[in-house]
Amino acid sequence: MKPVAPVTGFRIASPLLSGILWSVIWLAIGTIVLSLMLYGTSMAEADTVPWVFGIHGFASCCGGFVSARRAGHKGWSIGLGIGLTYAILVLISSFLAHDIGWTPRIALLLGIAAAAGAFGGMLGVNTGGGQARRK
């Protein structure tokens, strides 16, 4: 008896693209949760700055994890690259949407995203999902 073939065979081969995609997915989930917290509690918008940096750090960590797991080697450097790429994409979209200026928060976002991406990459490369471990 032959097994049924999978219906969708779509898989992103590039570790960079898959890491950025998962970062954006976790950013969207974090944004929805933060919006629900703002709506359902007495939290003011001025109190959301630490939450926003936490969401960006978590999203960058997840992206670094996925990309390093797919790559199978150089975990911290791949995660660092994902974190910086993610932060630059967020900053570009923020600049285009709201015409933000350069503040110390931008440097803080770049640092948090880079460090969290590198940490996620170190964790992801050791989970055994890459090409080097499948041989």
Protein backbone atom coordinates (compact mmCIF):
# COMPACT_ATOMS: atom_id res chain seq x y z
CA MET A 1 0.00 0.00 0.00
CA LYS A 2 1.40 3.36 -1.03
CA PRO A 3 1.26 6.27 1.42
CA VAL A 4 -0.61 9.38 0.39
CA ALA A 5 1.75 12.05 -0.90
CA PRO A 6 1.73 15.37 0.93
CA VAL A 7 -0.49 17.95 -0.69
CA THR A 8 1.82 20.89 -0.19
CA GLY A 9 5.50 20.52 -0.84
CA PHE A 10 6.29 24.19 -0.25
CA ARG A 11 9.34 24.84 1.91
CA ILE A 12 11.54 27.88 2.09
CA ALA A 13 15.06 26.65 1.40
CA SER A 14 16.90 29.80 2.45
CA PRO A 15 17.66 30.02 6.18
CA LEU A 16 17.64 33.83 5.93
CA LEU A 17 14.15 34.02 4.44
CA SER A 18 12.71 31.45 6.80
CA GLY A 19 14.19 33.26 9.81
CA ILE A 20 12.79 36.61 8.71
CA LEU A 21 9.39 35.03 7.99
CA TRP A 22 9.20 33.48 11.46
CA SER A 23 10.34 36.77 13.01
CA VAL A 24 7.50 38.58 11.27
CA ILE A 25 5.01 35.90 12.36
CA TRP A 26 6.05 36.27 16.01
CA LEU A 27 6.02 40.05 15.66
CA ALA A 28 2.41 39.88 14.45
CA ILE A 29 1.41 37.58 17.32
CA GLY A 30 3.13 39.84 19.87
CA THR A 31 1.48 42.92 18.40
CA ILE A 32 -1.96 41.34 18.63
CA VAL A 33 -1.37 40.28 22.24
CA LEU A 34 -0.12 43.76 23.16
CA SER A 35 -3.14 45.33 21.45
CA LEU A 36 -5.46 43.09 23.44
CA MET A 37 -3.62 44.05 26.63
CA LEU A 38 -4.08 47.74 25.81
CA TYR A 39 -7.75 47.21 25.05
CA GLY A 40 -8.58 44.98 28.00
CA THR A 41 -6.59 46.60 30.79
CA SER A 42 -5.93 50.07 32.10
CA MET A 43 -2.43 50.10 30.59
CA ALA A 44 -1.52 53.39 28.89
CA GLU A 45 0.26 53.56 25.55
CA ALA A 46 3.20 55.28 27.20
CA ASP A 47 3.76 52.15 29.31
CA THR A 48 4.21 49.87 26.28
CA VAL A 49 7.83 50.74 25.41
CA PRO A 50 9.39 47.85 27.40
CA TRP A 51 6.79 45.48 25.97
CA VAL A 52 7.60 46.60 22.43
CA PHE A 53 11.32 45.99 22.92
CA GLY A 54 10.50 42.60 24.46
CA ILE A 55 8.35 41.65 21.48
CA HIS A 56 11.08 42.66 19.05
CA GLY A 57 13.68 40.75 21.05
CA PHE A 58 11.54 37.61 21.19
CA ALA A 59 10.73 37.80 17.48
CA SER A 60 14.40 38.24 16.64
CA CYS A 61 15.33 35.32 18.91
CA CYS A 62 12.80 33.07 17.19
CA GLY A 63 14.05 34.12 13.75
CA GLY A 64 17.65 33.44 14.74
CA PHE A 65 16.64 30.06 16.15
CA VAL A 66 14.85 28.96 12.98
CA SER A 67 17.53 30.20 10.59
CA ALA A 68 20.43 28.64 12.52
CA ARG A 69 18.50 25.38 12.86
CA ARG A 70 17.99 25.29 9.10
CA ALA A 71 21.60 26.21 8.37
CA GLY A 72 23.11 23.77 10.87
CA HIS A 73 26.31 25.74 11.44
CA LYS A 74 27.56 29.20 12.51
CA GLY A 75 24.62 29.71 14.85
CA TRP A 76 25.50 32.95 16.53
CA SER A 77 26.65 34.69 13.34
CA ILE A 78 23.57 33.62 11.40
CA GLY A 79 21.34 34.66 14.31
CA LEU A 80 23.16 37.99 14.56
CA GLY A 81 22.58 38.57 10.85
CA ILE A 82 18.90 37.72 11.20
CA GLY A 83 18.56 40.05 14.18
CA LEU A 84 20.19 42.95 12.38
CA THR A 85 18.23 42.31 9.17
CA TYR A 86 14.99 42.12 11.14
CA ALA A 87 15.75 45.36 13.00
CA ILE A 88 16.67 47.18 9.78
CA LEU A 89 13.44 46.01 8.11
CA VAL A 90 11.42 47.19 11.12
CA LEU A 91 13.21 50.54 11.11
CA ILE A 92 12.69 51.01 7.37
CA SER A 93 8.98 50.26 7.69
CA SER A 94 8.73 52.57 10.71
CA PHE A 95 10.48 55.35 8.86
CA LEU A 96 8.27 54.96 5.80
CA ALA A 97 5.07 54.79 7.85
CA HIS A 98 5.68 57.44 10.51
CA ASP A 99 8.78 59.37 9.39
CA ILE A 100 10.59 58.61 12.66
CA GLY A 101 13.81 60.38 13.52
CA TRP A 102 17.07 58.96 14.85
CA THR A 103 16.91 58.52 18.62
CA PRO A 104 18.80 56.38 21.14
CA ARG A 105 15.87 53.94 21.01
CA ILE A 106 16.92 52.96 17.48
CA ALA A 107 20.38 51.96 18.68
CA LEU A 108 18.74 50.10 21.56
CA LEU A 109 16.45 48.24 19.15
CA LEU A 110 19.41 47.28 16.96
CA GLY A 111 21.34 46.04 20.00
CA ILE A 112 18.44 44.06 21.44
CA ALA A 113 17.54 42.48 18.10
CA ALA A 114 21.17 41.57 17.34
CA ALA A 115 21.82 40.08 20.78
CA ALA A 116 18.52 38.17 20.86
CA GLY A 117 19.05 36.88 17.31
CA ALA A 118 22.55 35.69 18.18
CA PHE A 119 21.24 33.96 21.30
CA GLY A 120 18.46 32.29 19.31
CA GLY A 121 21.01 31.23 16.71
CA MET A 122 23.20 29.62 19.38
CA LEU A 123 20.21 27.68 20.65
CA GLY A 124 18.94 26.78 17.18
CA VAL A 125 22.18 25.41 15.80
CA ASN A 126 22.38 22.94 18.70
CA THR A 127 18.91 21.46 18.22
CA GLY A 128 20.01 19.27 15.34
CA GLY A 129 17.82 20.42 12.48
CA GLY A 130 20.50 21.46 10.01
CA GLN A 131 22.09 19.71 7.05
CA ALA A 132 25.25 18.85 9.00
CA ARG A 133 23.35 16.70 11.51
CA ARG A 134 21.30 14.79 8.93
CA LYS A 135 24.30 13.05 7.38
